[in-house]
């Protein structure tokens, strides 16, 4: 739902058009807004909905990090330091614009990270 609210709807649709028909897809949302439900109806075959009560949510096995970085230009180095220090093999990184996604993708690939 966050991607939808940030203007990524067209990109989400494009991605679904390119996926193999038998691929398994997960859509995650704390609120499941109408746009997310529309995606499940339009692109998924017999989607299964798993609803979890807010008081039962767990982050077992998931490590989350928040680092307060004073200057924008320090963020990339801080992220790369985390990758080197923690030996991260998989991650989800949230940024707030499509332009930032493209920029970060280029920067991470130039440093030999798989994106």
PDB file of N, CA and C in Angstrom:
ATOM      1  N   UNK A   1       0.821  -1.199   0.000  1.00  0.00           N
ATOM      2  CA  UNK A   1       0.000   0.000   0.000  1.00  0.00           C
ATOM      3  C   UNK A   1       0.859   1.255   0.000  1.00  0.00           C
ATOM      4  N   UNK A   2       2.031   1.172   0.601  1.00  0.00           N
ATOM      5  CA  UNK A   2       2.925   2.340   0.612  1.00  0.00           C
ATOM      6  C   UNK A   2       3.398   2.663  -0.800  1.00  0.00           C
ATOM      7  N   UNK A   3       3.707   1.640  -1.580  1.00  0.00           N
ATOM      8  CA  UNK A   3       4.121   1.881  -2.961  1.00  0.00           C
ATOM      9  C   UNK A   3       2.996   2.522  -3.763  1.00  0.00           C
ATOM     10  N   UNK A   4       1.779   2.080  -3.533  1.00  0.00           N
ATOM     11  CA  UNK A   4       0.632   2.673  -4.229  1.00  0.00           C
ATOM     12  C   UNK A   4       0.454   4.131  -3.841  1.00  0.00           C
ATOM     13  N   UNK A   5       0.583   4.424  -2.566  1.00  0.00           N
ATOM     14  CA  UNK A   5       0.378   5.797  -2.106  1.00  0.00           C
ATOM     15  C   UNK A   5       1.497   6.728  -2.568  1.00  0.00           C
ATOM     16  N   UNK A   6       2.616   6.169  -2.954  1.00  0.00           N
ATOM     17  CA  UNK A   6       3.748   6.985  -3.416  1.00  0.00           C
ATOM     18  C   UNK A   6       3.798   7.099  -4.939  1.00  0.00           C
ATOM     19  N   UNK A   7       2.771   6.622  -5.634  1.00  0.00           N
ATOM     20  CA  UNK A   7       2.709   6.802  -7.076  1.00  0.00           C
ATOM     21  C   UNK A   7       3.349   5.708  -7.909  1.00  0.00           C
ATOM     22  N   UNK A   8       3.496   4.514  -7.363  1.00  0.00           N
ATOM     23  CA  UNK A   8       4.116   3.417  -8.093  1.00  0.00           C
ATOM     24  C   UNK A   8       3.098   2.489  -8.771  1.00  0.00           C
ATOM     25  N   UNK A   9       1.831   2.880  -8.868  1.00  0.00           N
ATOM     26  CA  UNK A   9       0.794   1.993  -9.400  1.00  0.00           C
ATOM     27  C   UNK A   9       1.133   1.508 -10.807  1.00  0.00           C
ATOM     28  N   UNK A  10       1.530   2.407 -11.701  1.00  0.00           N
ATOM     29  CA  UNK A  10       1.855   2.005 -13.073  1.00  0.00           C
ATOM     30  C   UNK A  10       3.016   1.015 -13.102  1.00  0.00           C
ATOM     31  N   UNK A  11       4.022   1.244 -12.267  1.00  0.00           N
ATOM     32  CA  UNK A  11       5.165   0.339 -12.230  1.00  0.00           C
ATOM     33  C   UNK A  11       4.761  -1.031 -11.682  1.00  0.00           C
ATOM     34  N   UNK A  12       3.889  -1.045 -10.691  1.00  0.00           N
ATOM     35  CA  UNK A  12       3.401  -2.316 -10.148  1.00  0.00           C
ATOM     36  C   UNK A  12       2.666  -3.091 -11.234  1.00  0.00           C
ATOM     37  N   UNK A  13       1.806  -2.416 -11.993  1.00  0.00           N
ATOM     38  CA  UNK A  13       1.081  -3.066 -13.081  1.00  0.00           C
ATOM     39  C   UNK A  13       2.053  -3.592 -14.139  1.00  0.00           C
ATOM     40  N   UNK A  14       3.057  -2.790 -14.495  1.00  0.00           N
ATOM     41  CA  UNK A  14       4.043  -3.224 -15.491  1.00  0.00           C
ATOM     42  C   UNK A  14       4.775  -4.477 -15.030  1.00  0.00           C
ATOM     43  N   UNK A  15       5.150  -4.523 -13.766  1.00  0.00           N
ATOM     44  CA  UNK A  15       5.853  -5.693 -13.229  1.00  0.00           C
ATOM     45  C   UNK A  15       4.971  -6.930 -13.324  1.00  0.00           C
ATOM     46  N   UNK A  16       3.712  -6.811 -12.935  1.00  0.00           N
ATOM     47  CA  UNK A  16       2.808  -7.961 -13.001  1.00  0.00           C
ATOM     48  C   UNK A  16       2.632  -8.452 -14.435  1.00  0.00           C
ATOM     49  N   UNK A  17       2.625  -7.548 -15.404  1.00  0.00           N
ATOM     50  CA  UNK A  17       2.479  -7.940 -16.811  1.00  0.00           C
ATOM     51  C   UNK A  17       3.677  -8.772 -17.287  1.00  0.00           C
ATOM     52  N   UNK A  18       4.847  -8.547 -16.702  1.00  0.00           N
ATOM     53  CA  UNK A  18       6.067  -9.230 -17.128  1.00  0.00           C
ATOM     54  C   UNK A  18       6.334 -10.539 -16.386  1.00  0.00           C
ATOM     55  N   UNK A  19       5.616 -10.783 -15.303  1.00  0.00           N
ATOM     56  CA  UNK A  19       5.847 -11.991 -14.511  1.00  0.00           C
ATOM     57  C   UNK A  19       5.289 -13.229 -15.203  1.00  0.00           C
ATOM     58  N   UNK A  20       5.940 -14.379 -15.022  1.00  0.00           N
ATOM     59  CA  UNK A  20       5.378 -15.632 -15.540  1.00  0.00           C
ATOM     60  C   UNK A  20       4.019 -15.905 -14.886  1.00  0.00           C
ATOM     61  N   UNK A  21       3.151 -16.582 -15.602  1.00  0.00           N
ATOM     62  CA  UNK A  21       1.788 -16.808 -15.098  1.00  0.00           C
ATOM     63  C   UNK A  21       1.756 -17.677 -13.844  1.00  0.00           C
ATOM     64  N   UNK A  22       2.740 -18.515 -13.634  1.00  0.00           N
ATOM     65  CA  UNK A  22       2.743 -19.435 -12.489  1.00  0.00           C
ATOM     66  C   UNK A  22       3.546 -18.913 -11.299  1.00  0.00           C
ATOM     67  N   UNK A  23       3.952 -17.665 -11.324  1.00  0.00           N
ATOM     68  CA  UNK A  23       4.780 -17.125 -10.251  1.00  0.00           C
ATOM     69  C   UNK A  23       3.948 -16.899  -8.987  1.00  0.00           C
ATOM     70  N   UNK A  24       4.580 -17.074  -7.831  1.00  0.00           N
ATOM     71  CA  UNK A  24       3.911 -16.807  -6.563  1.00  0.00           C
ATOM     72  C   UNK A  24       4.264 -15.393  -6.123  1.00  0.00           C
ATOM     73  N   UNK A  25       3.258 -14.618  -5.776  1.00  0.00           N
ATOM     74  CA  UNK A  25       3.448 -13.216  -5.404  1.00  0.00           C
ATOM     75  C   UNK A  25       2.848 -12.980  -4.029  1.00  0.00           C
ATOM     76  N   UNK A  26       3.528 -12.181  -3.224  1.00  0.00           N
ATOM     77  CA  UNK A  26       3.001 -11.781  -1.918  1.00  0.00           C
ATOM     78  C   UNK A  26       2.736 -10.291  -1.907  1.00  0.00           C
ATOM     79  N   UNK A  27       1.562  -9.905  -1.467  1.00  0.00           N
ATOM     80  CA  UNK A  27       1.213  -8.494  -1.302  1.00  0.00           C
ATOM     81  C   UNK A  27       0.999  -8.279   0.189  1.00  0.00           C
ATOM     82  N   UNK A  28       1.736  -7.346   0.757  1.00  0.00           N
ATOM     83  CA  UNK A  28       1.681  -7.122   2.199  1.00  0.00           C
ATOM     84  C   UNK A  28       1.212  -5.711   2.488  1.00  0.00           C
ATOM     85  N   UNK A  29       0.284  -5.609   3.408  1.00  0.00           N
ATOM     86  CA  UNK A  29      -0.222  -4.293   3.776  1.00  0.00           C
ATOM     87  C   UNK A  29      -0.791  -4.353   5.182  1.00  0.00           C
ATOM     88  N   UNK A  30      -0.528  -3.322   5.939  1.00  0.00           N
ATOM     89  CA  UNK A  30      -1.103  -3.243   7.282  1.00  0.00           C
ATOM     90  C   UNK A  30      -2.574  -2.871   7.226  1.00  0.00           C
ATOM     91  N   UNK A  31      -2.997  -2.235   6.140  1.00  0.00           N
ATOM     92  CA  UNK A  31      -4.372  -1.736   6.064  1.00  0.00           C
ATOM     93  C   UNK A  31      -5.188  -2.340   4.935  1.00  0.00           C
ATOM     94  N   UNK A  32      -4.556  -2.864   3.894  1.00  0.00           N
ATOM     95  CA  UNK A  32      -5.187  -3.422   2.700  1.00  0.00           C
ATOM     96  C   UNK A  32      -6.205  -2.448   2.092  1.00  0.00           C
ATOM     97  N   UNK A  33      -5.715  -1.346   1.538  1.00  0.00           N
ATOM     98  CA  UNK A  33      -6.599  -0.360   0.920  1.00  0.00           C
ATOM     99  C   UNK A  33      -7.216  -0.901  -0.369  1.00  0.00           C
ATOM    100  N   UNK A  34      -8.245  -0.241  -0.891  1.00  0.00           N
ATOM    101  CA  UNK A  34      -8.922  -0.709  -2.108  1.00  0.00           C
ATOM    102  C   UNK A  34      -7.971  -0.938  -3.284  1.00  0.00           C
ATOM    103  N   UNK A  35      -6.943  -0.095  -3.439  1.00  0.00           N
ATOM    104  CA  UNK A  35      -6.011  -0.258  -4.555  1.00  0.00           C
ATOM    105  C   UNK A  35      -5.240  -1.576  -4.455  1.00  0.00           C
ATOM    106  N   UNK A  36      -4.868  -1.972  -3.257  1.00  0.00           N
ATOM    107  CA  UNK A  36      -4.163  -3.240  -3.069  1.00  0.00           C
ATOM    108  C   UNK A  36      -5.097  -4.412  -3.359  1.00  0.00           C
ATOM    109  N   UNK A  37      -6.337  -4.304  -2.932  1.00  0.00           N
ATOM    110  CA  UNK A  37      -7.314  -5.358  -3.233  1.00  0.00           C
ATOM    111  C   UNK A  37      -7.556  -5.463  -4.731  1.00  0.00           C
ATOM    112  N   UNK A  38      -7.568  -4.329  -5.419  1.00  0.00           N
ATOM    113  CA  UNK A  38      -7.746  -4.324  -6.874  1.00  0.00           C
ATOM    114  C   UNK A  38      -6.606  -5.080  -7.552  1.00  0.00           C
ATOM    115  N   UNK A  39      -5.394  -4.896  -7.078  1.00  0.00           N
ATOM    116  CA  UNK A  39      -4.246  -5.605  -7.647  1.00  0.00           C
ATOM    117  C   UNK A  39      -4.400  -7.108  -7.455  1.00  0.00           C
ATOM    118  N   UNK A  40      -4.833  -7.527  -6.269  1.00  0.00           N
ATOM    119  CA  UNK A  40      -4.996  -8.968  -6.036  1.00  0.00           C
ATOM    120  C   UNK A  40      -6.075  -9.548  -6.940  1.00  0.00           C
ATOM    121  N   UNK A  41      -7.151  -8.810  -7.146  1.00  0.00           N
ATOM    122  CA  UNK A  41      -8.220  -9.298  -8.027  1.00  0.00           C
ATOM    123  C   UNK A  41      -7.778  -9.339  -9.488  1.00  0.00           C
ATOM    124  N   UNK A  42      -7.047  -8.334  -9.912  1.00  0.00           N
ATOM    125  CA  UNK A  42      -6.692  -8.197 -11.318  1.00  0.00           C
ATOM    126  C   UNK A  42      -5.573  -9.139 -11.753  1.00  0.00           C
ATOM    127  N   UNK A  43      -4.586  -9.349 -10.901  1.00  0.00           N
ATOM    128  CA  UNK A  43      -3.389 -10.055 -11.338  1.00  0.00           C
ATOM    129  C   UNK A  43      -3.148 -11.404 -10.676  1.00  0.00           C
ATOM    130  N   UNK A  44      -3.910 -11.756  -9.665  1.00  0.00           N
ATOM    131  CA  UNK A  44      -3.638 -12.998  -8.953  1.00  0.00           C
ATOM    132  C   UNK A  44      -4.738 -14.023  -9.189  1.00  0.00           C
ATOM    133  N   UNK A  45      -4.312 -15.284  -9.267  1.00  0.00           N
ATOM    134  CA  UNK A  45      -5.235 -16.388  -9.449  1.00  0.00           C
ATOM    135  C   UNK A  45      -5.536 -16.992  -8.081  1.00  0.00           C
ATOM    136  N   UNK A  46      -6.757 -16.855  -7.629  1.00  0.00           N
ATOM    137  CA  UNK A  46      -7.185 -17.372  -6.328  1.00  0.00           C
ATOM    138  C   UNK A  46      -6.284 -16.884  -5.186  1.00  0.00           C
ATOM    139  N   UNK A  47      -6.186 -15.588  -4.988  1.00  0.00           N
ATOM    140  CA  UNK A  47      -5.320 -15.093  -3.907  1.00  0.00           C
ATOM    141  C   UNK A  47      -5.810 -15.540  -2.536  1.00  0.00           C
ATOM    142  N   UNK A  48      -4.878 -15.808  -1.660  1.00  0.00           N
ATOM    143  CA  UNK A  48      -5.182 -16.184  -0.284  1.00  0.00           C
ATOM    144  C   UNK A  48      -4.899 -14.969   0.587  1.00  0.00           C
ATOM    145  N   UNK A  49      -5.865 -14.587   1.391  1.00  0.00           N
ATOM    146  CA  UNK A  49      -5.679 -13.452   2.293  1.00  0.00           C
ATOM    147  C   UNK A  49      -5.440 -13.973   3.698  1.00  0.00           C
ATOM    148  N   UNK A  50      -4.382 -13.501   4.299  1.00  0.00           N
ATOM    149  CA  UNK A  50      -4.063 -13.852   5.680  1.00  0.00           C
ATOM    150  C   UNK A  50      -4.161 -12.574   6.493  1.00  0.00           C
ATOM    151  N   UNK A  51      -5.119 -12.533   7.364  1.00  0.00           N
ATOM    152  CA  UNK A  51      -5.331 -11.351   8.191  1.00  0.00           C
ATOM    153  C   UNK A  51      -4.814 -11.630   9.594  1.00  0.00           C
ATOM    154  N   UNK A  52      -4.045 -10.718  10.115  1.00  0.00           N
ATOM    155  CA  UNK A  52      -3.461 -10.872  11.443  1.00  0.00           C
ATOM    156  C   UNK A  52      -3.934  -9.718  12.310  1.00  0.00           C
ATOM    157  N   UNK A  53      -4.393 -10.057  13.504  1.00  0.00           N
ATOM    158  CA  UNK A  53      -4.797  -9.005  14.435  1.00  0.00           C
ATOM    159  C   UNK A  53      -3.574  -8.191  14.825  1.00  0.00           C
ATOM    160  N   UNK A  54      -3.762  -6.898  14.956  1.00  0.00           N
ATOM    161  CA  UNK A  54      -2.644  -6.001  15.261  1.00  0.00           C
ATOM    162  C   UNK A  54      -1.864  -6.455  16.499  1.00  0.00           C
ATOM    163  N   UNK A  55      -2.557  -6.943  17.524  1.00  0.00           N
ATOM    164  CA  UNK A  55      -1.860  -7.349  18.749  1.00  0.00           C
ATOM    165  C   UNK A  55      -1.113  -8.671  18.594  1.00  0.00           C
ATOM    166  N   UNK A  56      -1.291  -9.350  17.453  1.00  0.00           N
ATOM    167  CA  UNK A  56      -0.593 -10.608  17.212  1.00  0.00           C
ATOM    168  C   UNK A  56       0.572 -10.459  16.236  1.00  0.00           C
ATOM    169  N   UNK A  57       0.811  -9.251  15.755  1.00  0.00           N
ATOM    170  CA  UNK A  57       1.912  -9.040  14.822  1.00  0.00           C
ATOM    171  C   UNK A  57       3.236  -9.329  15.509  1.00  0.00           C
ATOM    172  N   UNK A  58       4.135  -9.972  14.778  1.00  0.00           N
ATOM    173  CA  UNK A  58       5.436 -10.312  15.334  1.00  0.00           C
ATOM    174  C   UNK A  58       6.526 -10.029  14.312  1.00  0.00           C
ATOM    175  N   UNK A  59       7.677  -9.717  14.787  1.00  0.00           N
ATOM    176  CA  UNK A  59       8.827  -9.493  13.918  1.00  0.00           C
ATOM    177  C   UNK A  59       9.913 -10.520  14.207  1.00  0.00           C
ATOM    178  N   UNK A  60       9.492 -11.700  14.655  1.00  0.00           N
ATOM    179  CA  UNK A  60      10.435 -12.763  14.967  1.00  0.00           C
ATOM    180  C   UNK A  60      11.266 -13.095  13.736  1.00  0.00           C
ATOM    181  N   UNK A  61      12.569 -13.137  13.894  1.00  0.00           N
ATOM    182  CA  UNK A  61      13.444 -13.486  12.783  1.00  0.00           C
ATOM    183  C   UNK A  61      13.757 -12.324  11.853  1.00  0.00           C
ATOM    184  N   UNK A  62      13.192 -11.173  12.109  1.00  0.00           N
ATOM    185  CA  UNK A  62      13.421  -9.995  11.274  1.00  0.00           C
ATOM    186  C   UNK A  62      14.184  -8.961  12.091  1.00  0.00           C
ATOM    187  N   UNK A  63      15.242  -8.453  11.500  1.00  0.00           N
ATOM    188  CA  UNK A  63      16.008  -7.391  12.159  1.00  0.00           C
ATOM    189  C   UNK A  63      15.687  -6.078  11.465  1.00  0.00           C
ATOM    190  N   UNK A  64      15.359  -5.088  12.244  1.00  0.00           N
ATOM    191  CA  UNK A  64      15.075  -3.764  11.706  1.00  0.00           C
ATOM    192  C   UNK A  64      16.102  -2.785  12.239  1.00  0.00           C
ATOM    193  N   UNK A  65      16.462  -1.844  11.378  1.00  0.00           N
ATOM    194  CA  UNK A  65      17.428  -0.833  11.777  1.00  0.00           C
ATOM    195  C   UNK A  65      16.905   0.541  11.414  1.00  0.00           C
ATOM    196  N   UNK A  66      17.103   1.450  12.305  1.00  0.00           N
ATOM    197  CA  UNK A  66      16.858   2.856  12.026  1.00  0.00           C
ATOM    198  C   UNK A  66      18.121   3.592  12.428  1.00  0.00           C
ATOM    199  N   UNK A  67      18.670   4.318  11.488  1.00  0.00           N
ATOM    200  CA  UNK A  67      19.866   5.099  11.767  1.00  0.00           C
ATOM    201  C   UNK A  67      19.548   6.544  11.414  1.00  0.00           C
ATOM    202  N   UNK A  68      19.660   7.411  12.376  1.00  0.00           N
ATOM    203  CA  UNK A  68      19.412   8.828  12.136  1.00  0.00           C
ATOM    204  C   UNK A  68      20.669   9.434  11.518  1.00  0.00           C
ATOM    205  N   UNK A  69      20.581   9.793  10.246  1.00  0.00           N
ATOM    206  CA  UNK A  69      21.715  10.360   9.524  1.00  0.00           C
ATOM    207  C   UNK A  69      21.444  11.846   9.330  1.00  0.00           C
ATOM    208  N   UNK A  70      22.353  12.666   9.801  1.00  0.00           N
ATOM    209  CA  UNK A  70      22.136  14.114   9.806  1.00  0.00           C
ATOM    210  C   UNK A  70      22.067  14.744   8.419  1.00  0.00           C
ATOM    211  N   UNK A  71      22.862  14.246   7.485  1.00  0.00           N
ATOM    212  CA  UNK A  71      22.914  14.866   6.160  1.00  0.00           C
ATOM    213  C   UNK A  71      22.553  13.851   5.084  1.00  0.00           C
ATOM    214  N   UNK A  72      21.808  14.291   4.102  1.00  0.00           N
ATOM    215  CA  UNK A  72      21.386  13.433   2.988  1.00  0.00           C
ATOM    216  C   UNK A  72      22.586  12.770   2.313  1.00  0.00           C
ATOM    217  N   UNK A  73      23.646  13.516   2.114  1.00  0.00           N
ATOM    218  CA  UNK A  73      24.809  12.985   1.390  1.00  0.00           C
ATOM    219  C   UNK A  73      25.557  11.903   2.174  1.00  0.00           C
ATOM    220  N   UNK A  74      25.256  11.710   3.433  1.00  0.00           N
ATOM    221  CA  UNK A  74      25.893  10.654   4.231  1.00  0.00           C
ATOM    222  C   UNK A  74      25.106   9.336   4.201  1.00  0.00           C
ATOM    223  N   UNK A  75      23.899   9.360   3.680  1.00  0.00           N
ATOM    224  CA  UNK A  75      23.026   8.177   3.763  1.00  0.00           C
ATOM    225  C   UNK A  75      23.567   6.977   2.993  1.00  0.00           C
ATOM    226  N   UNK A  76      24.080   7.190   1.786  1.00  0.00           N
ATOM    227  CA  UNK A  76      24.593   6.066   1.004  1.00  0.00           C
ATOM    228  C   UNK A  76      25.759   5.391   1.722  1.00  0.00           C
ATOM    229  N   UNK A  77      26.693   6.169   2.220  1.00  0.00           N
ATOM    230  CA  UNK A  77      27.836   5.593   2.936  1.00  0.00           C
ATOM    231  C   UNK A  77      27.385   4.842   4.187  1.00  0.00           C
ATOM    232  N   UNK A  78      26.411   5.384   4.873  1.00  0.00           N
ATOM    233  CA  UNK A  78      25.891   4.722   6.074  1.00  0.00           C
ATOM    234  C   UNK A  78      25.255   3.386   5.707  1.00  0.00           C
ATOM    235  N   UNK A  79      24.475   3.369   4.633  1.00  0.00           N
ATOM    236  CA  UNK A  79      23.850   2.128   4.166  1.00  0.00           C
ATOM    237  C   UNK A  79      24.916   1.102   3.785  1.00  0.00           C
ATOM    238  N   UNK A  80      25.922   1.522   3.052  1.00  0.00           N
ATOM    239  CA  UNK A  80      26.985   0.601   2.651  1.00  0.00           C
ATOM    240  C   UNK A  80      27.769   0.095   3.863  1.00  0.00           C
ATOM    241  N   UNK A  81      27.969   0.948   4.847  1.00  0.00           N
ATOM    242  CA  UNK A  81      28.619   0.506   6.089  1.00  0.00           C
ATOM    243  C   UNK A  81      27.798  -0.582   6.779  1.00  0.00           C
ATOM    244  N   UNK A  82      26.475  -0.420   6.801  1.00  0.00           N
ATOM    245  CA  UNK A  82      25.603  -1.454   7.380  1.00  0.00           C
ATOM    246  C   UNK A  82      25.757  -2.770   6.625  1.00  0.00           C
ATOM    247  N   UNK A  83      25.758  -2.699   5.303  1.00  0.00           N
ATOM    248  CA  UNK A  83      25.901  -3.911   4.494  1.00  0.00           C
ATOM    249  C   UNK A  83      27.212  -4.624   4.799  1.00  0.00           C
ATOM    250  N   UNK A  84      28.288  -3.875   4.916  1.00  0.00           N
ATOM    251  CA  UNK A  84      29.592  -4.486   5.187  1.00  0.00           C
ATOM    252  C   UNK A  84      29.677  -5.040   6.606  1.00  0.00           C
ATOM    253  N   UNK A  85      29.152  -4.323   7.558  1.00  0.00           N
ATOM    254  CA  UNK A  85      29.239  -4.717   8.963  1.00  0.00           C
ATOM    255  C   UNK A  85      28.361  -5.923   9.277  1.00  0.00           C
ATOM    256  N   UNK A  86      27.162  -5.970   8.707  1.00  0.00           N
ATOM    257  CA  UNK A  86      26.183  -6.993   9.073  1.00  0.00           C
ATOM    258  C   UNK A  86      26.122  -8.168   8.113  1.00  0.00           C
ATOM    259  N   UNK A  87      26.877  -8.147   7.034  1.00  0.00           N
ATOM    260  CA  UNK A  87      26.841  -9.216   6.031  1.00  0.00           C
ATOM    261  C   UNK A  87      25.406  -9.501   5.599  1.00  0.00           C
ATOM    262  N   UNK A  88      24.726  -8.492   5.142  1.00  0.00           N
ATOM    263  CA  UNK A  88      23.323  -8.598   4.734  1.00  0.00           C
ATOM    264  C   UNK A  88      23.226  -9.315   3.393  1.00  0.00           C
ATOM    265  N   UNK A  89      22.378 -10.352   3.335  1.00  0.00           N
ATOM    266  CA  UNK A  89      22.165 -11.065   2.075  1.00  0.00           C
ATOM    267  C   UNK A  89      20.836 -10.689   1.425  1.00  0.00           C
ATOM    268  N   UNK A  90      19.867 -10.295   2.222  1.00  0.00           N
ATOM    269  CA  UNK A  90      18.570  -9.857   1.704  1.00  0.00           C
ATOM    270  C   UNK A  90      18.089  -8.693   2.547  1.00  0.00           C
ATOM    271  N   UNK A  91      17.449  -7.738   1.884  1.00  0.00           N
ATOM    272  CA  UNK A  91      16.925  -6.603   2.639  1.00  0.00           C
ATOM    273  C   UNK A  91      15.818  -5.910   1.863  1.00  0.00           C
ATOM    274  N   UNK A  92      15.062  -5.130   2.572  1.00  0.00           N
ATOM    275  CA  UNK A  92      14.069  -4.240   1.979  1.00  0.00           C
ATOM    276  C   UNK A  92      14.450  -2.843   2.432  1.00  0.00           C
ATOM    277  N   UNK A  93      14.658  -1.970   1.460  1.00  0.00           N
ATOM    278  CA  UNK A  93      15.053  -0.598   1.757  1.00  0.00           C
ATOM    279  C   UNK A  93      13.942   0.316   1.266  1.00  0.00           C
ATOM    280  N   UNK A  94      13.462   1.152   2.148  1.00  0.00           N
ATOM    281  CA  UNK A  94      12.398   2.080   1.787  1.00  0.00           C
ATOM    282  C   UNK A  94      12.986   3.446   1.479  1.00  0.00           C
ATOM    283  N   UNK A  95      12.594   3.985   0.327  1.00  0.00           N
ATOM    284  CA  UNK A  95      12.927   5.359  -0.038  1.00  0.00           C
ATOM    285  C   UNK A  95      11.624   6.044  -0.427  1.00  0.00           C
ATOM    286  N   UNK A  96      11.631   7.359  -0.493  1.00  0.00           N
ATOM    287  CA  UNK A  96      10.352   8.051  -0.639  1.00  0.00           C
ATOM    288  C   UNK A  96      10.012   8.561  -2.031  1.00  0.00           C
ATOM    289  N   UNK A  97      10.851   8.317  -3.037  1.00  0.00           N
ATOM    290  CA  UNK A  97      10.497   8.734  -4.400  1.00  0.00           C
ATOM    291  C   UNK A  97      11.010   7.715  -5.409  1.00  0.00           C
ATOM    292  N   UNK A  98      10.394   7.714  -6.591  1.00  0.00           N
ATOM    293  CA  UNK A  98      10.865   6.840  -7.667  1.00  0.00           C
ATOM    294  C   UNK A  98      12.263   7.246  -8.115  1.00  0.00           C
ATOM    295  N   UNK A  99      12.514   8.554  -8.125  1.00  0.00           N
ATOM    296  CA  UNK A  99      13.834   9.046  -8.514  1.00  0.00           C
ATOM    297  C   UNK A  99      14.913   8.511  -7.572  1.00  0.00           C
ATOM    298  N   UNK A 100      14.598   8.476  -6.287  1.00  0.00           N
ATOM    299  CA  UNK A 100      15.544   7.964  -5.292  1.00  0.00           C
ATOM    300  C   UNK A 100      15.771   6.462  -5.490  1.00  0.00           C
ATOM    301  N   UNK A 101      14.736   5.727  -5.890  1.00  0.00           N
ATOM    302  CA  UNK A 101      14.885   4.293  -6.182  1.00  0.00           C
ATOM    303  C   UNK A 101      15.912   4.102  -7.292  1.00  0.00           C
ATOM    304  N   UNK A 102      15.749   4.850  -8.388  1.00  0.00           N
ATOM    305  CA  UNK A 102      16.677   4.730  -9.518  1.00  0.00           C
ATOM    306  C   UNK A 102      18.097   5.110  -9.112  1.00  0.00           C
ATOM    307  N   UNK A 103      18.218   6.191  -8.374  1.00  0.00           N
ATOM    308  CA  UNK A 103      19.531   6.662  -7.930  1.00  0.00           C
ATOM    309  C   UNK A 103      20.208   5.620  -7.043  1.00  0.00           C
ATOM    310  N   UNK A 104      19.465   5.116  -6.050  1.00  0.00           N
ATOM    311  CA  UNK A 104      20.034   4.147  -5.120  1.00  0.00           C
ATOM    312  C   UNK A 104      20.381   2.841  -5.828  1.00  0.00           C
ATOM    313  N   UNK A 105      19.545   2.420  -6.762  1.00  0.00           N
ATOM    314  CA  UNK A 105      19.831   1.216  -7.544  1.00  0.00           C
ATOM    315  C   UNK A 105      21.158   1.361  -8.269  1.00  0.00           C
ATOM    316  N   UNK A 106      21.348   2.481  -8.954  1.00  0.00           N
ATOM    317  CA  UNK A 106      22.605   2.719  -9.677  1.00  0.00           C
ATOM    318  C   UNK A 106      23.804   2.719  -8.732  1.00  0.00           C
ATOM    319  N   UNK A 107      23.672   3.403  -7.612  1.00  0.00           N
ATOM    320  CA  UNK A 107      24.781   3.502  -6.662  1.00  0.00           C
ATOM    321  C   UNK A 107      25.129   2.141  -6.053  1.00  0.00           C
ATOM    322  N   UNK A 108      24.113   1.364  -5.684  1.00  0.00           N
ATOM    323  CA  UNK A 108      24.370   0.055  -5.071  1.00  0.00           C
ATOM    324  C   UNK A 108      24.983  -0.903  -6.093  1.00  0.00           C
ATOM    325  N   UNK A 109      24.490  -0.875  -7.324  1.00  0.00           N
ATOM    326  CA  UNK A 109      25.066  -1.742  -8.363  1.00  0.00           C
ATOM    327  C   UNK A 109      26.511  -1.359  -8.661  1.00  0.00           C
ATOM    328  N   UNK A 110      26.801  -0.060  -8.657  1.00  0.00           N
ATOM    329  CA  UNK A 110      28.176   0.381  -8.926  1.00  0.00           C
ATOM    330  C   UNK A 110      29.138  -0.090  -7.830  1.00  0.00           C
ATOM    331  N   UNK A 111      28.589  -0.443  -6.678  1.00  0.00           N
ATOM    332  CA  UNK A 111      29.402  -0.971  -5.569  1.00  0.00           C
ATOM    333  C   UNK A 111      29.281  -2.498  -5.474  1.00  0.00           C
ATOM    334  N   UNK A 112      28.814  -3.108  -6.560  1.00  0.00           N
ATOM    335  CA  UNK A 112      28.719  -4.571  -6.692  1.00  0.00           C
ATOM    336  C   UNK A 112      27.703  -5.224  -5.771  1.00  0.00           C
ATOM    337  N   UNK A 113      26.670  -4.493  -5.383  1.00  0.00           N
ATOM    338  CA  UNK A 113      25.572  -5.093  -4.626  1.00  0.00           C
ATOM    339  C   UNK A 113      24.501  -5.545  -5.612  1.00  0.00           C
ATOM    340  N   UNK A 114      23.882  -6.668  -5.358  1.00  0.00           N
ATOM    341  CA  UNK A 114      22.787  -7.151  -6.189  1.00  0.00           C
ATOM    342  C   UNK A 114      21.525  -6.399  -5.815  1.00  0.00           C
ATOM    343  N   UNK A 115      20.873  -5.839  -6.819  1.00  0.00           N
ATOM    344  CA  UNK A 115      19.649  -5.060  -6.579  1.00  0.00           C
ATOM    345  C   UNK A 115      18.547  -5.628  -7.454  1.00  0.00           C
TER     346      UNK A 115
END
